[in-house]
Amino acid sequence: MKYEFKVEGLMCEKCVARLQNVLTADENISEAVVSLENKTATVEAACGADAVRTLIEDAGFDVI
């Protein structure tokens, strides 16, 4: 499934890289694109949206 989340707390490219690394490190996520400009994370995952939301929040960001 493909999901798009609005992410609060993305302030710089380091934040983007950190979140993208966290997401792509999960075995259930095949692709993750994090946009600083749009403040979004677009994720292709074999798990549910709640699991992806938890990964984002555990990385220190808020899903709005």
PDB file of N, CA and C in Angstrom:
ATOM      1  N   MET A   1       0.840  -1.184   0.000  1.00  0.00           N
ATOM      2  CA  MET A   1       0.000   0.000   0.000  1.00  0.00           C
ATOM      3  C   MET A   1       0.886   1.249   0.000  1.00  0.00           C
ATOM      4  N   LYS A   2       0.355   2.294  -0.596  1.00  0.00           N
ATOM      5  CA  LYS A   2       1.059   3.569  -0.613  1.00  0.00           C
ATOM      6  C   LYS A   2       0.331   4.532   0.318  1.00  0.00           C
ATOM      7  N   TYR A   3       1.108   5.190   1.165  1.00  0.00           N
ATOM      8  CA  TYR A   3       0.559   6.129   2.138  1.00  0.00           C
ATOM      9  C   TYR A   3       1.291   7.460   2.030  1.00  0.00           C
ATOM     10  N   GLU A   4       0.565   8.532   2.321  1.00  0.00           N
ATOM     11  CA  GLU A   4       1.209   9.845   2.410  1.00  0.00           C
ATOM     12  C   GLU A   4       0.808  10.468   3.740  1.00  0.00           C
ATOM     13  N   PHE A   5       1.817  10.922   4.471  1.00  0.00           N
ATOM     14  CA  PHE A   5       1.607  11.526   5.784  1.00  0.00           C
ATOM     15  C   PHE A   5       2.109  12.956   5.780  1.00  0.00           C
ATOM     16  N   LYS A   6       1.365  13.857   6.400  1.00  0.00           N
ATOM     17  CA  LYS A   6       1.851  15.209   6.679  1.00  0.00           C
ATOM     18  C   LYS A   6       2.679  15.094   7.946  1.00  0.00           C
ATOM     19  N   VAL A   7       3.911  15.584   7.900  1.00  0.00           N
ATOM     20  CA  VAL A   7       4.840  15.413   9.014  1.00  0.00           C
ATOM     21  C   VAL A   7       5.241  16.774   9.567  1.00  0.00           C
ATOM     22  N   GLU A   8       5.047  16.939  10.855  1.00  0.00           N
ATOM     23  CA  GLU A   8       5.453  18.162  11.535  1.00  0.00           C
ATOM     24  C   GLU A   8       6.799  17.915  12.211  1.00  0.00           C
ATOM     25  N   GLY A   9       7.689  18.896  12.105  1.00  0.00           N
ATOM     26  CA  GLY A   9       8.996  18.782  12.747  1.00  0.00           C
ATOM     27  C   GLY A   9      10.138  18.652  11.763  1.00  0.00           C
ATOM     28  N   LEU A  10       9.812  18.580  10.472  1.00  0.00           N
ATOM     29  CA  LEU A  10      10.872  18.544   9.460  1.00  0.00           C
ATOM     30  C   LEU A  10      11.396  19.961   9.271  1.00  0.00           C
ATOM     31  N   MET A  11      12.616  20.211   9.747  1.00  0.00           N
ATOM     32  CA  MET A  11      13.171  21.558   9.724  1.00  0.00           C
ATOM     33  C   MET A  11      14.321  21.737   8.732  1.00  0.00           C
ATOM     34  N   CYS A  12      15.006  20.633   8.397  1.00  0.00           N
ATOM     35  CA  CYS A  12      16.190  20.748   7.549  1.00  0.00           C
ATOM     36  C   CYS A  12      16.425  19.426   6.813  1.00  0.00           C
ATOM     37  N   GLU A  13      17.420  19.433   5.952  1.00  0.00           N
ATOM     38  CA  GLU A  13      17.746  18.234   5.183  1.00  0.00           C
ATOM     39  C   GLU A  13      18.218  17.079   6.079  1.00  0.00           C
ATOM     40  N   LYS A  14      18.833  17.405   7.206  1.00  0.00           N
ATOM     41  CA  LYS A  14      19.251  16.340   8.134  1.00  0.00           C
ATOM     42  C   LYS A  14      18.036  15.621   8.706  1.00  0.00           C
ATOM     43  N   CYS A  15      16.983  16.376   9.004  1.00  0.00           N
ATOM     44  CA  CYS A  15      15.732  15.774   9.488  1.00  0.00           C
ATOM     45  C   CYS A  15      15.150  14.851   8.423  1.00  0.00           C
ATOM     46  N   VAL A  16      15.152  15.321   7.197  1.00  0.00           N
ATOM     47  CA  VAL A  16      14.631  14.535   6.080  1.00  0.00           C
ATOM     48  C   VAL A  16      15.424  13.241   5.941  1.00  0.00           C
ATOM     49  N   ALA A  17      16.736  13.343   5.960  1.00  0.00           N
ATOM     50  CA  ALA A  17      17.595  12.162   5.812  1.00  0.00           C
ATOM     51  C   ALA A  17      17.380  11.185   6.963  1.00  0.00           C
ATOM     52  N   ARG A  18      17.259  11.712   8.180  1.00  0.00           N
ATOM     53  CA  ARG A  18      17.063  10.838   9.344  1.00  0.00           C
ATOM     54  C   ARG A  18      15.757  10.071   9.225  1.00  0.00           C
ATOM     55  N   LEU A  19      14.672  10.767   8.883  1.00  0.00           N
ATOM     56  CA  LEU A  19      13.379  10.097   8.768  1.00  0.00           C
ATOM     57  C   LEU A  19      13.386   9.106   7.612  1.00  0.00           C
ATOM     58  N   GLN A  20      13.967   9.483   6.505  1.00  0.00           N
ATOM     59  CA  GLN A  20      14.015   8.574   5.366  1.00  0.00           C
ATOM     60  C   GLN A  20      14.816   7.318   5.716  1.00  0.00           C
ATOM     61  N   ASN A  21      15.913   7.467   6.443  1.00  0.00           N
ATOM     62  CA  ASN A  21      16.716   6.316   6.859  1.00  0.00           C
ATOM     63  C   ASN A  21      15.946   5.409   7.807  1.00  0.00           C
ATOM     64  N   VAL A  22      15.221   6.005   8.745  1.00  0.00           N
ATOM     65  CA  VAL A  22      14.410   5.210   9.681  1.00  0.00           C
ATOM     66  C   VAL A  22      13.365   4.413   8.914  1.00  0.00           C
ATOM     67  N   LEU A  23      12.696   5.062   7.986  1.00  0.00           N
ATOM     68  CA  LEU A  23      11.633   4.391   7.252  1.00  0.00           C
ATOM     69  C   LEU A  23      12.171   3.281   6.356  1.00  0.00           C
ATOM     70  N   THR A  24      13.222   3.554   5.613  1.00  0.00           N
ATOM     71  CA  THR A  24      13.729   2.534   4.686  1.00  0.00           C
ATOM     72  C   THR A  24      14.450   1.397   5.406  1.00  0.00           C
ATOM     73  N   ALA A  25      14.813   1.591   6.655  1.00  0.00           N
ATOM     74  CA  ALA A  25      15.447   0.513   7.423  1.00  0.00           C
ATOM     75  C   ALA A  25      14.433  -0.554   7.841  1.00  0.00           C
ATOM     76  N   ASP A  26      13.157  -0.214   7.831  1.00  0.00           N
ATOM     77  CA  ASP A  26      12.124  -1.177   8.218  1.00  0.00           C
ATOM     78  C   ASP A  26      11.885  -2.154   7.070  1.00  0.00           C
ATOM     79  N   GLU A  27      11.853  -3.432   7.396  1.00  0.00           N
ATOM     80  CA  GLU A  27      11.712  -4.475   6.370  1.00  0.00           C
ATOM     81  C   GLU A  27      10.371  -4.438   5.644  1.00  0.00           C
ATOM     82  N   ASN A  28       9.367  -3.813   6.238  1.00  0.00           N
ATOM     83  CA  ASN A  28       8.048  -3.739   5.608  1.00  0.00           C
ATOM     84  C   ASN A  28       7.904  -2.574   4.638  1.00  0.00           C
ATOM     85  N   ILE A  29       8.908  -1.714   4.581  1.00  0.00           N
ATOM     86  CA  ILE A  29       8.828  -0.527   3.729  1.00  0.00           C
ATOM     87  C   ILE A  29       9.773  -0.695   2.547  1.00  0.00           C
ATOM     88  N   SER A  30       9.193  -0.660   1.346  1.00  0.00           N
ATOM     89  CA  SER A  30       9.995  -0.845   0.143  1.00  0.00           C
ATOM     90  C   SER A  30      10.490   0.476  -0.430  1.00  0.00           C
ATOM     91  N   GLU A  31       9.788   1.577  -0.129  1.00  0.00           N
ATOM     92  CA  GLU A  31      10.206   2.884  -0.632  1.00  0.00           C
ATOM     93  C   GLU A  31       9.672   3.969   0.296  1.00  0.00           C
ATOM     94  N   ALA A  32      10.495   4.993   0.498  1.00  0.00           N
ATOM     95  CA  ALA A  32      10.075   6.146   1.307  1.00  0.00           C
ATOM     96  C   ALA A  32      10.686   7.401   0.704  1.00  0.00           C
ATOM     97  N   VAL A  33       9.840   8.401   0.482  1.00  0.00           N
ATOM     98  CA  VAL A  33      10.291   9.688  -0.028  1.00  0.00           C
ATOM     99  C   VAL A  33       9.804  10.752   0.940  1.00  0.00           C
ATOM    100  N   VAL A  34      10.738  11.480   1.530  1.00  0.00           N
ATOM    101  CA  VAL A  34      10.406  12.523   2.497  1.00  0.00           C
ATOM    102  C   VAL A  34      10.690  13.867   1.849  1.00  0.00           C
ATOM    103  N   SER A  35       9.706  14.767   1.907  1.00  0.00           N
ATOM    104  CA  SER A  35       9.831  16.082   1.276  1.00  0.00           C
ATOM    105  C   SER A  35       9.846  17.175   2.331  1.00  0.00           C
ATOM    106  N   LEU A  36      10.945  17.912   2.362  1.00  0.00           N
ATOM    107  CA  LEU A  36      11.046  19.054   3.271  1.00  0.00           C
ATOM    108  C   LEU A  36      10.105  20.163   2.817  1.00  0.00           C
ATOM    109  N   GLU A  37      10.038  20.398   1.524  1.00  0.00           N
ATOM    110  CA  GLU A  37       9.205  21.464   0.968  1.00  0.00           C
ATOM    111  C   GLU A  37       7.722  21.252   1.280  1.00  0.00           C
ATOM    112  N   ASN A  38       7.248  20.025   1.096  1.00  0.00           N
ATOM    113  CA  ASN A  38       5.829  19.726   1.324  1.00  0.00           C
ATOM    114  C   ASN A  38       5.525  19.238   2.731  1.00  0.00           C
ATOM    115  N   LYS A  39       6.596  18.959   3.499  1.00  0.00           N
ATOM    116  CA  LYS A  39       6.440  18.412   4.853  1.00  0.00           C
ATOM    117  C   LYS A  39       5.637  17.111   4.830  1.00  0.00           C
ATOM    118  N   THR A  40       6.017  16.213   3.899  1.00  0.00           N
ATOM    119  CA  THR A  40       5.320  14.947   3.751  1.00  0.00           C
ATOM    120  C   THR A  40       6.296  13.778   3.721  1.00  0.00           C
ATOM    121  N   ALA A  41       5.753  12.619   4.040  1.00  0.00           N
ATOM    122  CA  ALA A  41       6.461  11.361   3.858  1.00  0.00           C
ATOM    123  C   ALA A  41       5.535  10.461   3.044  1.00  0.00           C
ATOM    124  N   THR A  42       6.013  10.050   1.871  1.00  0.00           N
ATOM    125  CA  THR A  42       5.249   9.147   1.021  1.00  0.00           C
ATOM    126  C   THR A  42       5.930   7.793   1.101  1.00  0.00           C
ATOM    127  N   VAL A  43       5.146   6.784   1.486  1.00  0.00           N
ATOM    128  CA  VAL A  43       5.722   5.487   1.828  1.00  0.00           C
ATOM    129  C   VAL A  43       4.982   4.369   1.106  1.00  0.00           C
ATOM    130  N   GLU A  44       5.744   3.456   0.519  1.00  0.00           N
ATOM    131  CA  GLU A  44       5.205   2.223  -0.053  1.00  0.00           C
ATOM    132  C   GLU A  44       5.534   1.127   0.956  1.00  0.00           C
ATOM    133  N   ALA A  45       4.487   0.534   1.541  1.00  0.00           N
ATOM    134  CA  ALA A  45       4.721  -0.398   2.644  1.00  0.00           C
ATOM    135  C   ALA A  45       3.822  -1.622   2.566  1.00  0.00           C
ATOM    136  N   ALA A  46       4.334  -2.714   3.120  1.00  0.00           N
ATOM    137  CA  ALA A  46       3.573  -3.952   3.206  1.00  0.00           C
ATOM    138  C   ALA A  46       2.848  -4.059   4.543  1.00  0.00           C
ATOM    139  N   CYS A  47       2.888  -3.003   5.319  1.00  0.00           N
ATOM    140  CA  CYS A  47       2.216  -2.977   6.623  1.00  0.00           C
ATOM    141  C   CYS A  47       1.157  -1.875   6.607  1.00  0.00           C
ATOM    142  N   GLY A  48       0.399  -1.777   7.666  1.00  0.00           N
ATOM    143  CA  GLY A  48      -0.665  -0.790   7.743  1.00  0.00           C
ATOM    144  C   GLY A  48      -0.167   0.614   8.034  1.00  0.00           C
ATOM    145  N   ALA A  49      -1.052   1.574   7.822  1.00  0.00           N
ATOM    146  CA  ALA A  49      -0.728   2.988   8.037  1.00  0.00           C
ATOM    147  C   ALA A  49      -0.345   3.261   9.485  1.00  0.00           C
ATOM    148  N   ASP A  50      -0.979   2.577  10.425  1.00  0.00           N
ATOM    149  CA  ASP A  50      -0.674   2.796  11.841  1.00  0.00           C
ATOM    150  C   ASP A  50       0.763   2.408  12.170  1.00  0.00           C
ATOM    151  N   ALA A  51       1.262   1.349  11.553  1.00  0.00           N
ATOM    152  CA  ALA A  51       2.650   0.931  11.789  1.00  0.00           C
ATOM    153  C   ALA A  51       3.625   1.969  11.255  1.00  0.00           C
ATOM    154  N   VAL A  52       3.320   2.534  10.095  1.00  0.00           N
ATOM    155  CA  VAL A  52       4.180   3.564   9.523  1.00  0.00           C
ATOM    156  C   VAL A  52       4.124   4.820  10.379  1.00  0.00           C
ATOM    157  N   ARG A  53       2.936   5.193  10.811  1.00  0.00           N
ATOM    158  CA  ARG A  53       2.761   6.358  11.690  1.00  0.00           C
ATOM    159  C   ARG A  53       3.594   6.196  12.952  1.00  0.00           C
ATOM    160  N   THR A  54       3.607   5.018  13.524  1.00  0.00           N
ATOM    161  CA  THR A  54       4.387   4.748  14.730  1.00  0.00           C
ATOM    162  C   THR A  54       5.881   4.923  14.468  1.00  0.00           C
ATOM    163  N   LEU A  55       6.366   4.453  13.322  1.00  0.00           N
ATOM    164  CA  LEU A  55       7.778   4.630  12.970  1.00  0.00           C
ATOM    165  C   LEU A  55       8.135   6.110  12.889  1.00  0.00           C
ATOM    166  N   ILE A  56       7.267   6.895  12.262  1.00  0.00           N
ATOM    167  CA  ILE A  56       7.522   8.331  12.112  1.00  0.00           C
ATOM    168  C   ILE A  56       7.543   9.003  13.479  1.00  0.00           C
ATOM    169  N   GLU A  57       6.580   8.660  14.315  1.00  0.00           N
ATOM    170  CA  GLU A  57       6.505   9.279  15.642  1.00  0.00           C
ATOM    171  C   GLU A  57       7.660   8.830  16.535  1.00  0.00           C
ATOM    172  N   ASP A  58       8.057   7.564  16.429  1.00  0.00           N
ATOM    173  CA  ASP A  58       9.193   7.078  17.214  1.00  0.00           C
ATOM    174  C   ASP A  58      10.506   7.734  16.782  1.00  0.00           C
ATOM    175  N   ALA A  59      10.541   8.243  15.552  1.00  0.00           N
ATOM    176  CA  ALA A  59      11.731   8.958  15.063  1.00  0.00           C
ATOM    177  C   ALA A  59      11.751  10.402  15.545  1.00  0.00           C
ATOM    178  N   GLY A  60      10.686  10.826  16.248  1.00  0.00           N
ATOM    179  CA  GLY A  60      10.675  12.168  16.842  1.00  0.00           C
ATOM    180  C   GLY A  60       9.863  13.197  16.087  1.00  0.00           C
ATOM    181  N   PHE A  61       9.047  12.749  15.149  1.00  0.00           N
ATOM    182  CA  PHE A  61       8.231  13.664  14.357  1.00  0.00           C
ATOM    183  C   PHE A  61       6.760  13.432  14.667  1.00  0.00           C
ATOM    184  N   ASP A  62       5.933  14.430  14.374  1.00  0.00           N
ATOM    185  CA  ASP A  62       4.497  14.312  14.582  1.00  0.00           C
ATOM    186  C   ASP A  62       3.802  14.153  13.245  1.00  0.00           C
ATOM    187  N   VAL A  63       2.843  13.244  13.207  1.00  0.00           N
ATOM    188  CA  VAL A  63       2.012  13.062  12.021  1.00  0.00           C
ATOM    189  C   VAL A  63       0.742  13.870  12.257  1.00  0.00           C
ATOM    190  N   ILE A  64       0.436  14.769  11.317  1.00  0.00           N
ATOM    191  CA  ILE A  64      -0.744  15.626  11.478  1.00  0.00           C
ATOM    192  C   ILE A  64      -1.775  15.333  10.405  1.00  0.00           C
TER     193      ILE A  64
END
